[in-house]
Amino acid sequence: MITKRIIPCLDVKDGMVVKGVKFKGLSDVSSPVELGRYYSSMGADELVFYDITASAEGRKLFTDILRQVASKIFIPLTVGGGISSIEDFDRVLKCGADKVSVNSGAIRDPELIREAAEKYGDQCVVLSVDVSLVDGQYRVFGRGGRDDTGLDAIEWIKKGVSLGAGEVVVNSIDTDGVKQGFDLPLLKKVCGAVNVPVIASGGAGSIDDFNELFREIPTVDAGLAASIFHFGEVEIPELKRQLSESGINVRMTGF
């Protein structure tokens, strides 16, 4: 049985972790360095760090904060935001990232996925996709959920994997920050379309939501969340304890 991963997400803007609803109304939460260290000590399986306005502002990712976060944690770190070239991959990996997440940069230039996978290996390339249901079709949104690209999300994800993405993060804009559960219909479609690890993101509001995710979609690999962890609504050790008691395989060491 595959061990399910629990992954906190640090959405960073102007040096602070922020959280909003449906990618809007962002409010400050805490220092990414302190939160990263806390999650590493509390049994998180991985950590995701997004510089959420880098693409929209047309700039490079903040590497100084990234270095500080990487130096304080002892779990795999995935980093994204403003990744648009092989040079960006190289810079972020040298700052301590284990995997690099591409989103808008890959939409503009899909060959970036292939180039990065060939140079660094599929395991280093994570395709992050911001998705919303529009007129009955799951669409891909770019620039931090601002632009409807018109791309069919399932077809885009399949293409990204065929180009070499070794993992997919599915960010549901429709459920983001709403805390009413993960977008199960969307996730079922994605998991049925690709054979690489799929991380569910957007909508977690309780331990029951993670339980439902892993029971309803046994092939999903991980659940990612932000605000419920940041504000102490769900503690990772308790989440893992309850998942384990429900028969879901999770890593219990490290806290």
C-alpha atoms as a PDB file:
ATOM      1  CA  MET A   1       0.000   0.000   0.000  1.00  0.00           C
ATOM      2  CA  ILE A   2       1.346   3.435  -0.948  1.00  0.00           C
ATOM      3  CA  THR A   3       2.146   5.691   1.996  1.00  0.00           C
ATOM      4  CA  LYS A   4      -0.010   8.806   1.741  1.00  0.00           C
ATOM      5  CA  ARG A   5       1.800  12.107   2.181  1.00  0.00           C
ATOM      6  CA  ILE A   6       0.638  15.129   4.161  1.00  0.00           C
ATOM      7  CA  ILE A   7       2.069  18.353   2.740  1.00  0.00           C
ATOM      8  CA  PRO A   8       1.749  21.877   4.173  1.00  0.00           C
ATOM      9  CA  CYS A   9       1.979  24.685   1.623  1.00  0.00           C
ATOM     10  CA  LEU A  10       3.646  28.039   2.184  1.00  0.00           C
ATOM     11  CA  ASP A  11       2.189  30.666  -0.159  1.00  0.00           C
ATOM     12  CA  VAL A  12       4.708  33.488   0.150  1.00  0.00           C
ATOM     13  CA  LYS A  13       4.127  37.129  -0.799  1.00  0.00           C
ATOM     14  CA  ASP A  14       6.509  39.962   0.116  1.00  0.00           C
ATOM     15  CA  GLY A  15       8.400  37.639   2.438  1.00  0.00           C
ATOM     16  CA  MET A  16       5.389  36.485   4.450  1.00  0.00           C
ATOM     17  CA  VAL A  17       3.187  33.418   4.267  1.00  0.00           C
ATOM     18  CA  VAL A  18      -0.299  34.469   3.161  1.00  0.00           C
ATOM     19  CA  LYS A  19      -3.639  32.767   2.653  1.00  0.00           C
ATOM     20  CA  GLY A  20      -6.833  33.770   0.897  1.00  0.00           C
ATOM     21  CA  VAL A  21     -10.011  32.271  -0.526  1.00  0.00           C
ATOM     22  CA  LYS A  22     -10.170  31.180  -4.176  1.00  0.00           C
ATOM     23  CA  PHE A  23      -6.745  32.829  -4.686  1.00  0.00           C
ATOM     24  CA  LYS A  24      -8.130  36.235  -3.570  1.00  0.00           C
ATOM     25  CA  GLY A  25      -8.186  38.383  -0.419  1.00  0.00           C
ATOM     26  CA  LEU A  26      -4.707  37.448   0.807  1.00  0.00           C
ATOM     27  CA  SER A  27      -3.830  38.034   4.456  1.00  0.00           C
ATOM     28  CA  ASP A  28      -0.499  37.628   6.280  1.00  0.00           C
ATOM     29  CA  VAL A  29       0.003  34.518   8.389  1.00  0.00           C
ATOM     30  CA  SER A  30       3.617  34.123   9.554  1.00  0.00           C
ATOM     31  CA  SER A  31       7.284  33.835   8.683  1.00  0.00           C
ATOM     32  CA  PRO A  32       7.979  31.114   6.093  1.00  0.00           C
ATOM     33  CA  VAL A  33      11.210  30.202   7.869  1.00  0.00           C
ATOM     34  CA  GLU A  34       9.522  29.638  11.235  1.00  0.00           C
ATOM     35  CA  LEU A  35       6.558  27.813   9.731  1.00  0.00           C
ATOM     36  CA  GLY A  36       8.817  25.603   7.652  1.00  0.00           C
ATOM     37  CA  ARG A  37      10.871  24.629  10.685  1.00  0.00           C
ATOM     38  CA  TYR A  38       7.691  23.944  12.672  1.00  0.00           C
ATOM     39  CA  TYR A  39       6.179  21.680  10.023  1.00  0.00           C
ATOM     40  CA  SER A  40       9.424  19.777   9.584  1.00  0.00           C
ATOM     41  CA  SER A  41       9.470  19.012  13.306  1.00  0.00           C
ATOM     42  CA  MET A  42       5.774  18.090  13.439  1.00  0.00           C
ATOM     43  CA  GLY A  43       5.882  15.204  10.985  1.00  0.00           C
ATOM     44  CA  ALA A  44       5.023  16.792   7.638  1.00  0.00           C
ATOM     45  CA  ASP A  45       6.165  14.538   4.811  1.00  0.00           C
ATOM     46  CA  GLU A  46       7.156  17.356   2.483  1.00  0.00           C
ATOM     47  CA  LEU A  47       6.890  21.121   2.233  1.00  0.00           C
ATOM     48  CA  VAL A  48       5.762  23.211  -0.728  1.00  0.00           C
ATOM     49  CA  PHE A  49       6.964  26.812  -1.087  1.00  0.00           C
ATOM     50  CA  TYR A  50       5.228  29.030  -3.649  1.00  0.00           C
ATOM     51  CA  ASP A  51       6.314  32.599  -4.390  1.00  0.00           C
ATOM     52  CA  ILE A  52       2.738  33.285  -5.455  1.00  0.00           C
ATOM     53  CA  THR A  53       3.142  36.662  -7.168  1.00  0.00           C
ATOM     54  CA  ALA A  54       6.435  36.055  -8.998  1.00  0.00           C
ATOM     55  CA  SER A  55       4.768  35.106 -12.299  1.00  0.00           C
ATOM     56  CA  ALA A  56       2.140  37.843 -12.150  1.00  0.00           C
ATOM     57  CA  GLU A  57       4.811  40.444 -11.366  1.00  0.00           C
ATOM     58  CA  GLY A  58       7.171  39.086 -14.011  1.00  0.00           C
ATOM     59  CA  ARG A  59      10.092  38.584 -11.659  1.00  0.00           C
ATOM     60  CA  LYS A  60      12.342  35.858 -10.313  1.00  0.00           C
ATOM     61  CA  LEU A  61      11.537  33.878  -7.185  1.00  0.00           C
ATOM     62  CA  PHE A  62      12.838  35.179  -3.848  1.00  0.00           C
ATOM     63  CA  THR A  63      15.912  33.028  -3.296  1.00  0.00           C
ATOM     64  CA  ASP A  64      17.103  34.566  -0.024  1.00  0.00           C
ATOM     65  CA  ILE A  65      14.019  33.412   1.889  1.00  0.00           C
ATOM     66  CA  LEU A  66      14.146  30.076   0.095  1.00  0.00           C
ATOM     67  CA  ARG A  67      17.700  29.460   1.299  1.00  0.00           C
ATOM     68  CA  GLN A  68      16.669  30.213   4.861  1.00  0.00           C
ATOM     69  CA  VAL A  69      13.706  27.822   4.699  1.00  0.00           C
ATOM     70  CA  ALA A  70      15.775  25.039   3.120  1.00  0.00           C
ATOM     71  CA  SER A  71      18.416  25.370   5.850  1.00  0.00           C
ATOM     72  CA  LYS A  72      15.862  24.824   8.619  1.00  0.00           C
ATOM     73  CA  ILE A  73      13.964  21.775   7.394  1.00  0.00           C
ATOM     74  CA  PHE A  74      14.781  18.093   7.043  1.00  0.00           C
ATOM     75  CA  ILE A  75      12.038  16.998   4.654  1.00  0.00           C
ATOM     76  CA  PRO A  76      11.765  17.275   0.854  1.00  0.00           C
ATOM     77  CA  LEU A  77      11.095  20.795  -0.398  1.00  0.00           C
ATOM     78  CA  THR A  78       9.199  21.656  -3.591  1.00  0.00           C
ATOM     79  CA  VAL A  79       9.534  25.232  -4.805  1.00  0.00           C
ATOM     80  CA  GLY A  80       7.599  27.189  -7.415  1.00  0.00           C
ATOM     81  CA  GLY A  81       6.803  30.694  -8.584  1.00  0.00           C
ATOM     82  CA  GLY A  82       8.233  32.537 -11.569  1.00  0.00           C
ATOM     83  CA  ILE A  83       9.933  29.425 -12.974  1.00  0.00           C
ATOM     84  CA  SER A  84      10.276  30.045 -16.686  1.00  0.00           C
ATOM     85  CA  SER A  85      13.695  28.727 -17.746  1.00  0.00           C
ATOM     86  CA  ILE A  86      16.273  26.017 -17.127  1.00  0.00           C
ATOM     87  CA  GLU A  87      18.337  28.690 -15.375  1.00  0.00           C
ATOM     88  CA  ASP A  88      15.479  29.137 -12.903  1.00  0.00           C
ATOM     89  CA  PHE A  89      15.488  25.405 -12.207  1.00  0.00           C
ATOM     90  CA  ASP A  90      19.226  25.485 -11.618  1.00  0.00           C
ATOM     91  CA  ARG A  91      19.049  28.508  -9.312  1.00  0.00           C
ATOM     92  CA  VAL A  92      16.239  27.098  -7.174  1.00  0.00           C
ATOM     93  CA  LEU A  93      17.797  23.630  -6.870  1.00  0.00           C
ATOM     94  CA  LYS A  94      21.083  25.221  -5.803  1.00  0.00           C
ATOM     95  CA  CYS A  95      19.192  27.108  -3.090  1.00  0.00           C
ATOM     96  CA  GLY A  96      18.115  23.835  -1.497  1.00  0.00           C
ATOM     97  CA  ALA A  97      14.968  22.730  -3.310  1.00  0.00           C
ATOM     98  CA  ASP A  98      14.513  19.020  -3.989  1.00  0.00           C
ATOM     99  CA  LYS A  99      11.841  19.516  -6.659  1.00  0.00           C
ATOM    100  CA  VAL A 100      10.806  22.467  -8.803  1.00  0.00           C
ATOM    101  CA  SER A 101       7.190  23.295  -9.570  1.00  0.00           C
ATOM    102  CA  VAL A 102       6.284  24.824 -12.934  1.00  0.00           C
ATOM    103  CA  ASN A 103       2.964  26.395 -13.813  1.00  0.00           C
ATOM    104  CA  SER A 104       2.703  29.570 -15.911  1.00  0.00           C
ATOM    105  CA  GLY A 105       6.194  29.098 -17.344  1.00  0.00           C
ATOM    106  CA  ALA A 106       5.226  25.676 -18.678  1.00  0.00           C
ATOM    107  CA  ILE A 107       1.987  27.041 -20.150  1.00  0.00           C
ATOM    108  CA  ARG A 108       4.022  29.582 -22.104  1.00  0.00           C
ATOM    109  CA  ASP A 109       6.690  27.053 -23.106  1.00  0.00           C
ATOM    110  CA  PRO A 110       5.738  23.381 -22.633  1.00  0.00           C
ATOM    111  CA  GLU A 111       9.190  22.300 -23.832  1.00  0.00           C
ATOM    112  CA  LEU A 112      10.535  23.636 -20.520  1.00  0.00           C
ATOM    113  CA  ILE A 113       9.139  20.477 -18.911  1.00  0.00           C
ATOM    114  CA  ARG A 114      11.013  18.220 -21.303  1.00  0.00           C
ATOM    115  CA  GLU A 115      14.261  20.170 -21.018  1.00  0.00           C
ATOM    116  CA  ALA A 116      14.155  20.162 -17.219  1.00  0.00           C
ATOM    117  CA  ALA A 117      13.268  16.465 -17.027  1.00  0.00           C
ATOM    118  CA  GLU A 118      16.132  15.562 -19.357  1.00  0.00           C
ATOM    119  CA  LYS A 119      18.627  17.633 -17.376  1.00  0.00           C
ATOM    120  CA  TYR A 120      17.531  16.994 -13.788  1.00  0.00           C
ATOM    121  CA  GLY A 121      15.308  13.895 -14.005  1.00  0.00           C
ATOM    122  CA  ASP A 122      11.535  13.481 -13.961  1.00  0.00           C
ATOM    123  CA  GLN A 123      11.542  13.313 -10.169  1.00  0.00           C
ATOM    124  CA  CYS A 124      12.627  16.966  -9.985  1.00  0.00           C
ATOM    125  CA  VAL A 125       9.852  18.311 -12.224  1.00  0.00           C
ATOM    126  CA  VAL A 126       6.447  19.003 -10.687  1.00  0.00           C
ATOM    127  CA  LEU A 127       3.615  20.264 -12.869  1.00  0.00           C
ATOM    128  CA  SER A 128       1.378  22.549 -10.814  1.00  0.00           C
ATOM    129  CA  VAL A 129      -1.993  23.265 -12.407  1.00  0.00           C
ATOM    130  CA  ASP A 130      -4.545  25.844 -11.240  1.00  0.00           C
ATOM    131  CA  VAL A 131      -7.953  24.582 -12.335  1.00  0.00           C
ATOM    132  CA  SER A 132     -11.498  25.956 -12.322  1.00  0.00           C
ATOM    133  CA  LEU A 133     -14.723  24.618 -13.803  1.00  0.00           C
ATOM    134  CA  VAL A 134     -15.897  26.944 -16.605  1.00  0.00           C
ATOM    135  CA  ASP A 135     -19.037  26.152 -18.609  1.00  0.00           C
ATOM    136  CA  GLY A 136     -18.754  22.475 -17.725  1.00  0.00           C
ATOM    137  CA  GLN A 137     -15.065  22.215 -18.654  1.00  0.00           C
ATOM    138  CA  TYR A 138     -12.096  22.063 -16.294  1.00  0.00           C
ATOM    139  CA  ARG A 139      -9.871  24.909 -17.474  1.00  0.00           C
ATOM    140  CA  VAL A 140      -6.265  25.767 -16.752  1.00  0.00           C
ATOM    141  CA  PHE A 141      -5.608  29.206 -15.273  1.00  0.00           C
ATOM    142  CA  GLY A 142      -2.265  31.009 -15.439  1.00  0.00           C
ATOM    143  CA  ARG A 143      -0.519  33.783 -13.501  1.00  0.00           C
ATOM    144  CA  GLY A 144      -1.641  32.628 -10.071  1.00  0.00           C
ATOM    145  CA  GLY A 145      -5.204  31.879 -11.114  1.00  0.00           C
ATOM    146  CA  ARG A 146      -5.708  35.223 -12.843  1.00  0.00           C
ATOM    147  CA  ASP A 147      -5.910  34.227 -16.518  1.00  0.00           C
ATOM    148  CA  ASP A 148      -8.187  31.651 -18.139  1.00  0.00           C
ATOM    149  CA  THR A 149      -5.890  30.048 -20.702  1.00  0.00           C
ATOM    150  CA  GLY A 150      -8.706  28.164 -22.412  1.00  0.00           C
ATOM    151  CA  LEU A 151      -6.703  24.951 -22.050  1.00  0.00           C
ATOM    152  CA  ASP A 152      -8.565  21.793 -21.064  1.00  0.00           C
ATOM    153  CA  ALA A 153      -7.062  20.864 -17.691  1.00  0.00           C
ATOM    154  CA  ILE A 154      -7.089  17.091 -18.121  1.00  0.00           C
ATOM    155  CA  GLU A 155      -5.510  17.275 -21.584  1.00  0.00           C
ATOM    156  CA  TRP A 156      -2.888  19.744 -20.354  1.00  0.00           C
ATOM    157  CA  ILE A 157      -1.972  17.516 -17.429  1.00  0.00           C
ATOM    158  CA  LYS A 158      -1.649  14.495 -19.726  1.00  0.00           C
ATOM    159  CA  LYS A 159       0.600  16.514 -22.032  1.00  0.00           C
ATOM    160  CA  GLY A 160       2.753  17.713 -19.136  1.00  0.00           C
ATOM    161  CA  VAL A 161       3.278  14.162 -17.928  1.00  0.00           C
ATOM    162  CA  SER A 162       4.099  12.971 -21.447  1.00  0.00           C
ATOM    163  CA  LEU A 163       6.760  15.696 -21.631  1.00  0.00           C
ATOM    164  CA  GLY A 164       8.387  14.461 -18.427  1.00  0.00           C
ATOM    165  CA  ALA A 165       6.642  15.883 -15.361  1.00  0.00           C
ATOM    166  CA  GLY A 166       7.149  13.335 -12.597  1.00  0.00           C
ATOM    167  CA  GLU A 167       4.418  14.615 -10.314  1.00  0.00           C
ATOM    168  CA  VAL A 168       1.273  16.746 -10.585  1.00  0.00           C
ATOM    169  CA  VAL A 169      -0.185  19.187  -8.071  1.00  0.00           C
ATOM    170  CA  VAL A 170      -3.858  19.861  -8.800  1.00  0.00           C
ATOM    171  CA  ASN A 171      -4.887  23.209  -7.325  1.00  0.00           C
ATOM    172  CA  SER A 172      -8.668  23.577  -7.383  1.00  0.00           C
ATOM    173  CA  ILE A 173      -9.492  27.287  -7.519  1.00  0.00           C
ATOM    174  CA  ASP A 174     -13.160  26.511  -6.859  1.00  0.00           C
ATOM    175  CA  THR A 175     -12.483  24.869  -3.497  1.00  0.00           C
ATOM    176  CA  ASP A 176      -9.383  26.870  -2.464  1.00  0.00           C
ATOM    177  CA  GLY A 177      -9.728  28.221   1.079  1.00  0.00           C
ATOM    178  CA  VAL A 178     -13.425  27.280   1.266  1.00  0.00           C
ATOM    179  CA  LYS A 179     -12.736  24.369   3.667  1.00  0.00           C
ATOM    180  CA  GLN A 180     -15.589  22.207   2.390  1.00  0.00           C
ATOM    181  CA  GLY A 181     -13.453  19.339   1.152  1.00  0.00           C
ATOM    182  CA  PHE A 182     -11.175  18.548  -1.777  1.00  0.00           C
ATOM    183  CA  ASP A 183     -12.464  18.726  -5.358  1.00  0.00           C
ATOM    184  CA  LEU A 184     -13.064  14.983  -5.687  1.00  0.00           C
ATOM    185  CA  PRO A 185     -14.657  14.975  -9.177  1.00  0.00           C
ATOM    186  CA  LEU A 186     -11.679  16.860 -10.610  1.00  0.00           C
ATOM    187  CA  LEU A 187      -9.146  14.715  -8.779  1.00  0.00           C
ATOM    188  CA  LYS A 188     -10.765  11.478  -9.919  1.00  0.00           C
ATOM    189  CA  LYS A 189     -10.443  12.636 -13.526  1.00  0.00           C
ATOM    190  CA  VAL A 190      -6.779  13.546 -13.097  1.00  0.00           C
ATOM    191  CA  CYS A 191      -5.869  10.321 -11.288  1.00  0.00           C
ATOM    192  CA  GLY A 192      -7.596   8.348 -14.023  1.00  0.00           C
ATOM    193  CA  ALA A 193      -5.688  10.175 -16.748  1.00  0.00           C
ATOM    194  CA  VAL A 194      -2.053   9.898 -15.585  1.00  0.00           C
ATOM    195  CA  ASN A 195       0.190   7.353 -13.902  1.00  0.00           C
ATOM    196  CA  VAL A 196       2.435   9.683 -11.894  1.00  0.00           C
ATOM    197  CA  PRO A 197       1.883  10.830  -8.299  1.00  0.00           C
ATOM    198  CA  VAL A 198      -1.000  13.292  -7.924  1.00  0.00           C
ATOM    199  CA  ILE A 199      -1.180  15.777  -5.049  1.00  0.00           C
ATOM    200  CA  ALA A 200      -4.600  17.165  -4.121  1.00  0.00           C
ATOM    201  CA  SER A 201      -4.687  20.853  -3.235  1.00  0.00           C
ATOM    202  CA  GLY A 202      -7.545  23.164  -2.299  1.00  0.00           C
ATOM    203  CA  GLY A 203     -10.483  22.684   0.034  1.00  0.00           C
ATOM    204  CA  ALA A 204      -9.236  20.849   3.114  1.00  0.00           C
ATOM    205  CA  GLY A 205     -11.111  22.012   6.186  1.00  0.00           C
ATOM    206  CA  SER A 206     -10.918  19.074   8.557  1.00  0.00           C
ATOM    207  CA  ILE A 207      -9.385  15.689   9.231  1.00  0.00           C
ATOM    208  CA  ASP A 208     -12.502  14.122   7.720  1.00  0.00           C
ATOM    209  CA  ASP A 209     -11.708  15.813   4.400  1.00  0.00           C
ATOM    210  CA  PHE A 210      -8.342  14.032   4.210  1.00  0.00           C
ATOM    211  CA  ASN A 211      -9.970  10.770   5.203  1.00  0.00           C
ATOM    212  CA  GLU A 212     -12.566  11.187   2.473  1.00  0.00           C
ATOM    213  CA  LEU A 213      -9.892  12.094  -0.094  1.00  0.00           C
ATOM    214  CA  PHE A 214      -7.822   8.963   0.475  1.00  0.00           C
ATOM    215  CA  ARG A 215     -10.833   6.664   0.753  1.00  0.00           C
ATOM    216  CA  GLU A 216     -12.678   8.009  -2.289  1.00  0.00           C
ATOM    217  CA  ILE A 217      -9.549   8.184  -4.460  1.00  0.00           C
ATOM    218  CA  PRO A 218      -7.141   5.429  -3.374  1.00  0.00           C
ATOM    219  CA  THR A 219      -4.730   6.343  -6.190  1.00  0.00           C
ATOM    220  CA  VAL A 220      -4.171   9.935  -5.044  1.00  0.00           C
ATOM    221  CA  ASP A 221      -0.738  10.215  -3.432  1.00  0.00           C
ATOM    222  CA  ALA A 222      -0.937  13.216  -1.135  1.00  0.00           C
ATOM    223  CA  GLY A 223      -3.099  15.885   0.403  1.00  0.00           C
ATOM    224  CA  LEU A 224      -1.829  19.447   0.512  1.00  0.00           C
ATOM    225  CA  ALA A 225      -3.257  22.212   2.687  1.00  0.00           C
ATOM    226  CA  ALA A 226      -2.363  25.626   4.016  1.00  0.00           C
ATOM    227  CA  SER A 227      -4.678  27.593   6.309  1.00  0.00           C
ATOM    228  CA  ILE A 228      -5.940  24.696   8.444  1.00  0.00           C
ATOM    229  CA  PHE A 229      -2.335  23.929   9.336  1.00  0.00           C
ATOM    230  CA  HIS A 230      -1.197  27.558   9.615  1.00  0.00           C
ATOM    231  CA  PHE A 231      -3.986  28.483  12.041  1.00  0.00           C
ATOM    232  CA  GLY A 232      -3.766  25.293  14.101  1.00  0.00           C
ATOM    233  CA  GLU A 233      -7.204  24.035  13.084  1.00  0.00           C
ATOM    234  CA  VAL A 234      -5.650  20.660  12.248  1.00  0.00           C
ATOM    235  CA  GLU A 235      -2.409  19.412  13.810  1.00  0.00           C
ATOM    236  CA  ILE A 236      -0.393  17.090  11.592  1.00  0.00           C
ATOM    237  CA  PRO A 237       0.362  14.480  14.304  1.00  0.00           C
ATOM    238  CA  GLU A 238      -3.345  14.176  15.159  1.00  0.00           C
ATOM    239  CA  LEU A 239      -4.288  14.058  11.481  1.00  0.00           C
ATOM    240  CA  LYS A 240      -1.868  11.212  10.876  1.00  0.00           C
ATOM    241  CA  ARG A 241      -2.993   9.368  13.989  1.00  0.00           C
ATOM    242  CA  GLN A 242      -6.622   9.440  12.898  1.00  0.00           C
ATOM    243  CA  LEU A 243      -5.771   8.490   9.314  1.00  0.00           C
ATOM    244  CA  SER A 244      -3.722   5.547  10.555  1.00  0.00           C
ATOM    245  CA  GLU A 245      -6.563   4.414  12.829  1.00  0.00           C
ATOM    246  CA  SER A 246      -8.841   4.521   9.783  1.00  0.00           C
ATOM    247  CA  GLY A 247      -6.564   2.135   7.932  1.00  0.00           C
ATOM    248  CA  ILE A 248      -4.830   4.715   5.765  1.00  0.00           C
ATOM    249  CA  ASN A 249      -1.085   4.180   5.464  1.00  0.00           C
ATOM    250  CA  VAL A 250       0.878   7.253   6.628  1.00  0.00           C
ATOM    251  CA  ARG A 251       4.385   7.835   7.939  1.00  0.00           C
ATOM    252  CA  MET A 252       4.141   8.066  11.730  1.00  0.00           C
ATOM    253  CA  THR A 253       7.773   8.753  12.655  1.00  0.00           C
ATOM    254  CA  GLY A 254       9.389  12.156  13.064  1.00  0.00           C
ATOM    255  CA  PHE A 255       7.178  13.837  15.687  1.00  0.00           C
END
